[in-house]
Amino acid sequence: MNRLLTILRAVAALIVAAVVAVLVFTVLGSLLMAAGIFIAVMVVAGGLYILFFGRTTVRRQGGYEVIDITAVDITPPRKTRDQ
C-alpha cells in the first residue's frame, strides 16, 4: 500500500508539473505574441507618420557639418576649328 501511495504521489506531482508547464508556456507565448503585435503596430504607425508628415529635422549645435566635396571641372574649354 505504501508503494502504491508513493507511485500515486509521483504521478500527481508529474501531472501538476505538466499543468504548470502548460500554463507558463501559454502565458509566455501570449505575452510574446502581444509584444510582437505591439511592435508591428508601432512600426507600421511610425512608417505612416513619416509617410504623411515627413521626418522632422533637428538642428544640433556643435554637430558635424556636411561639406560638399564634389569634383569641380577645371579643364579649359577646347579650341574650336575656327580659332
N, C-alpha and C. Protein backbone atom coordinates (compact mmCIF):
# COMPACT_ATOMS: atom_id res chain seq x y z
N MET A 1 0.83 -1.20 0.00
CA MET A 1 0.00 0.00 0.00
C MET A 1 0.87 1.26 0.00
N ASN A 2 1.96 1.20 0.76
CA ASN A 2 2.87 2.34 0.84
C ASN A 2 3.49 2.62 -0.53
N ARG A 3 3.83 1.53 -1.21
CA ARG A 3 4.43 1.69 -2.54
C ARG A 3 3.42 2.30 -3.52
N LEU A 4 2.16 1.93 -3.43
CA LEU A 4 1.12 2.47 -4.31
C LEU A 4 0.92 3.96 -4.06
N LEU A 5 0.95 4.38 -2.79
CA LEU A 5 0.82 5.80 -2.47
C LEU A 5 2.01 6.60 -3.01
N THR A 6 3.20 6.02 -2.94
CA THR A 6 4.39 6.69 -3.47
C THR A 6 4.26 6.88 -4.98
N ILE A 7 3.79 5.85 -5.65
CA ILE A 7 3.62 5.94 -7.10
C ILE A 7 2.54 6.97 -7.45
N LEU A 8 1.43 6.95 -6.71
CA LEU A 8 0.37 7.92 -6.97
C LEU A 8 0.83 9.35 -6.69
N ARG A 9 1.65 9.53 -5.65
CA ARG A 9 2.19 10.85 -5.33
C ARG A 9 3.11 11.33 -6.46
N ALA A 10 3.92 10.44 -7.00
CA ALA A 10 4.81 10.80 -8.10
C ALA A 10 4.02 11.15 -9.36
N VAL A 11 2.97 10.36 -9.62
CA VAL A 11 2.12 10.65 -10.78
C VAL A 11 1.42 11.99 -10.61
N ALA A 12 0.92 12.26 -9.40
CA ALA A 12 0.26 13.54 -9.14
C ALA A 12 1.24 14.70 -9.31
N ALA A 13 2.48 14.52 -8.84
CA ALA A 13 3.49 15.57 -8.99
C ALA A 13 3.80 15.82 -10.47
N LEU A 14 3.87 14.75 -11.25
CA LEU A 14 4.12 14.91 -12.69
C LEU A 14 2.96 15.62 -13.38
N ILE A 15 1.74 15.28 -12.99
CA ILE A 15 0.57 15.94 -13.59
C ILE A 15 0.54 17.42 -13.23
N VAL A 16 0.82 17.73 -11.96
CA VAL A 16 0.86 19.14 -11.54
C VAL A 16 1.96 19.89 -12.29
N ALA A 17 3.13 19.26 -12.42
CA ALA A 17 4.23 19.90 -13.15
C ALA A 17 3.86 20.13 -14.61
N ALA A 18 3.17 19.17 -15.21
CA ALA A 18 2.76 19.33 -16.61
C ALA A 18 1.76 20.46 -16.77
N VAL A 19 0.80 20.54 -15.84
CA VAL A 19 -0.20 21.61 -15.91
C VAL A 19 0.46 22.97 -15.72
N VAL A 20 1.37 23.06 -14.76
CA VAL A 20 2.09 24.33 -14.53
C VAL A 20 2.91 24.70 -15.77
N ALA A 21 3.58 23.72 -16.37
CA ALA A 21 4.38 24.00 -17.56
C ALA A 21 3.50 24.49 -18.71
N VAL A 22 2.35 23.86 -18.89
CA VAL A 22 1.44 24.30 -19.95
C VAL A 22 0.96 25.72 -19.69
N LEU A 23 0.61 26.02 -18.45
CA LEU A 23 0.15 27.38 -18.12
C LEU A 23 1.26 28.41 -18.33
N VAL A 24 2.48 28.08 -17.89
CA VAL A 24 3.60 29.02 -18.05
C VAL A 24 3.88 29.26 -19.53
N PHE A 25 3.94 28.20 -20.32
CA PHE A 25 4.21 28.38 -21.74
C PHE A 25 3.07 29.12 -22.44
N THR A 26 1.84 28.90 -21.99
CA THR A 26 0.71 29.62 -22.57
C THR A 26 0.81 31.10 -22.26
N VAL A 27 1.10 31.43 -21.01
CA VAL A 27 1.21 32.84 -20.62
C VAL A 27 2.38 33.50 -21.34
N LEU A 28 3.54 32.83 -21.35
CA LEU A 28 4.71 33.41 -22.03
C LEU A 28 4.47 33.54 -23.53
N GLY A 29 3.82 32.56 -24.11
CA GLY A 29 3.52 32.63 -25.54
C GLY A 29 2.57 33.77 -25.87
N SER A 30 1.55 33.95 -25.03
CA SER A 30 0.62 35.04 -25.30
C SER A 30 1.29 36.39 -25.09
N LEU A 31 2.17 36.49 -24.09
CA LEU A 31 2.90 37.74 -23.90
C LEU A 31 3.83 38.02 -25.07
N LEU A 32 4.46 36.97 -25.57
CA LEU A 32 5.34 37.14 -26.73
C LEU A 32 4.55 37.55 -27.96
N MET A 33 3.39 36.96 -28.15
CA MET A 33 2.53 37.34 -29.27
C MET A 33 2.07 38.79 -29.13
N ALA A 34 1.68 39.18 -27.91
CA ALA A 34 1.24 40.55 -27.69
C ALA A 34 2.37 41.54 -27.96
N ALA A 35 3.58 41.19 -27.52
CA ALA A 35 4.72 42.08 -27.77
C ALA A 35 5.01 42.17 -29.27
N GLY A 36 4.92 41.06 -29.97
CA GLY A 36 5.15 41.09 -31.42
C GLY A 36 4.12 41.92 -32.15
N ILE A 37 2.86 41.78 -31.76
CA ILE A 37 1.80 42.57 -32.38
C ILE A 37 2.00 44.05 -32.08
N PHE A 38 2.38 44.38 -30.83
CA PHE A 38 2.61 45.77 -30.45
C PHE A 38 3.75 46.37 -31.26
N ILE A 39 4.84 45.63 -31.41
CA ILE A 39 5.99 46.14 -32.18
C ILE A 39 5.59 46.33 -33.64
N ALA A 40 4.85 45.39 -34.21
CA ALA A 40 4.43 45.52 -35.61
C ALA A 40 3.53 46.73 -35.80
N VAL A 41 2.61 46.96 -34.86
CA VAL A 41 1.72 48.12 -34.96
C VAL A 41 2.52 49.41 -34.85
N MET A 42 3.49 49.45 -33.95
CA MET A 42 4.30 50.66 -33.79
C MET A 42 5.14 50.94 -35.04
N VAL A 43 5.68 49.90 -35.66
CA VAL A 43 6.48 50.08 -36.88
C VAL A 43 5.60 50.61 -38.01
N VAL A 44 4.41 50.03 -38.17
CA VAL A 44 3.50 50.50 -39.22
C VAL A 44 3.04 51.92 -38.95
N ALA A 45 2.72 52.23 -37.69
CA ALA A 45 2.29 53.59 -37.35
C ALA A 45 3.41 54.59 -37.59
N GLY A 46 4.63 54.23 -37.24
CA GLY A 46 5.76 55.13 -37.49
C GLY A 46 5.99 55.34 -38.97
N GLY A 47 5.86 54.28 -39.75
CA GLY A 47 6.01 54.43 -41.20
C GLY A 47 4.93 55.32 -41.80
N LEU A 48 3.70 55.15 -41.35
CA LEU A 48 2.62 56.01 -41.85
C LEU A 48 2.81 57.45 -41.42
N TYR A 49 3.29 57.66 -40.20
CA TYR A 49 3.55 59.02 -39.72
C TYR A 49 4.61 59.70 -40.58
N ILE A 50 5.70 58.98 -40.86
CA ILE A 50 6.76 59.55 -41.70
C ILE A 50 6.24 59.77 -43.12
N LEU A 51 5.41 58.86 -43.60
CA LEU A 51 4.86 58.99 -44.95
C LEU A 51 4.00 60.24 -45.08
N PHE A 52 3.16 60.51 -44.08
CA PHE A 52 2.24 61.64 -44.18
C PHE A 52 2.86 62.96 -43.72
N PHE A 53 3.66 62.94 -42.67
CA PHE A 53 4.16 64.19 -42.11
C PHE A 53 5.63 64.44 -42.39
N GLY A 54 6.34 63.46 -42.89
CA GLY A 54 7.76 63.64 -43.18
C GLY A 54 8.59 63.54 -41.91
N ARG A 55 9.90 63.46 -42.13
CA ARG A 55 10.80 63.39 -40.97
C ARG A 55 11.04 64.79 -40.44
N THR A 56 11.12 64.91 -39.16
CA THR A 56 11.42 66.20 -38.56
C THR A 56 12.93 66.41 -38.58
N THR A 57 13.34 67.60 -38.97
CA THR A 57 14.77 67.90 -39.00
C THR A 57 15.16 68.51 -37.66
N VAL A 58 16.23 68.03 -37.12
CA VAL A 58 16.70 68.50 -35.83
C VAL A 58 18.03 69.19 -36.05
N ARG A 59 18.13 70.43 -35.63
CA ARG A 59 19.36 71.20 -35.76
C ARG A 59 20.10 71.11 -34.43
N ARG A 60 21.28 70.54 -34.45
CA ARG A 60 22.05 70.40 -33.21
C ARG A 60 23.25 71.33 -33.26
N GLN A 61 23.54 71.93 -32.16
CA GLN A 61 24.72 72.78 -32.06
C GLN A 61 25.95 71.92 -31.88
N GLY A 62 27.02 72.27 -32.56
CA GLY A 62 28.27 71.55 -32.39
C GLY A 62 28.33 70.22 -33.10
N GLY A 63 27.40 69.97 -33.99
CA GLY A 63 27.42 68.71 -34.72
C GLY A 63 28.31 68.80 -35.94
N TYR A 64 28.43 67.71 -36.63
CA TYR A 64 29.22 67.70 -37.85
C TYR A 64 28.43 68.37 -38.97
N GLU A 65 29.14 69.09 -39.81
CA GLU A 65 28.51 69.71 -40.96
C GLU A 65 28.85 68.93 -42.21
N VAL A 66 27.93 68.86 -43.12
CA VAL A 66 28.18 68.16 -44.37
C VAL A 66 28.88 69.12 -45.32
N ILE A 67 30.03 68.71 -45.80
CA ILE A 67 30.82 69.56 -46.69
C ILE A 67 30.67 69.01 -48.10
N ASP A 68 30.42 69.90 -49.03
CA ASP A 68 30.28 69.49 -50.43
C ASP A 68 31.67 69.30 -51.02
N ILE A 69 32.04 68.06 -51.29
CA ILE A 69 33.37 67.79 -51.83
C ILE A 69 33.28 67.21 -53.23
N THR A 70 32.28 67.66 -53.97
CA THR A 70 32.15 67.17 -55.34
C THR A 70 33.27 67.75 -56.18
N ALA A 71 33.68 67.00 -57.16
CA ALA A 71 34.79 67.44 -58.01
C ALA A 71 34.34 68.60 -58.90
N VAL A 72 35.23 69.59 -59.00
CA VAL A 72 34.95 70.75 -59.83
C VAL A 72 35.73 70.58 -61.13
N ASP A 73 35.06 70.76 -62.23
CA ASP A 73 35.71 70.60 -63.53
C ASP A 73 36.53 71.85 -63.82
N ILE A 74 37.86 71.70 -63.86
CA ILE A 74 38.73 72.85 -64.11
C ILE A 74 39.44 72.74 -65.46
N THR A 75 39.03 71.81 -66.30
CA THR A 75 39.68 71.70 -67.61
C THR A 75 39.24 72.87 -68.48
N PRO A 76 40.21 73.45 -69.18
CA PRO A 76 39.85 74.59 -70.04
C PRO A 76 39.02 74.12 -71.22
N PRO A 77 38.21 75.00 -71.75
CA PRO A 77 37.40 74.61 -72.90
C PRO A 77 38.27 74.31 -74.11
N ARG A 78 37.84 73.40 -74.96
CA ARG A 78 38.60 73.05 -76.16
C ARG A 78 38.51 74.17 -77.19
N LYS A 79 39.58 74.25 -77.93
CA LYS A 79 39.58 75.24 -79.01
C LYS A 79 38.79 74.67 -80.17
N THR A 80 38.01 75.52 -80.76
CA THR A 80 37.25 75.08 -81.93
C THR A 80 38.12 75.17 -83.17
N ARG A 81 37.68 74.68 -84.28
CA ARG A 81 38.47 74.69 -85.51
C ARG A 81 38.66 76.11 -86.05
N ASP A 82 37.77 77.01 -85.70
CA ASP A 82 37.90 78.38 -86.23
C ASP A 82 39.07 79.11 -85.57
N GLN A 83 39.42 78.74 -84.38
CA GLN A 83 40.45 79.51 -83.66
C GLN A 83 41.83 79.09 -84.01
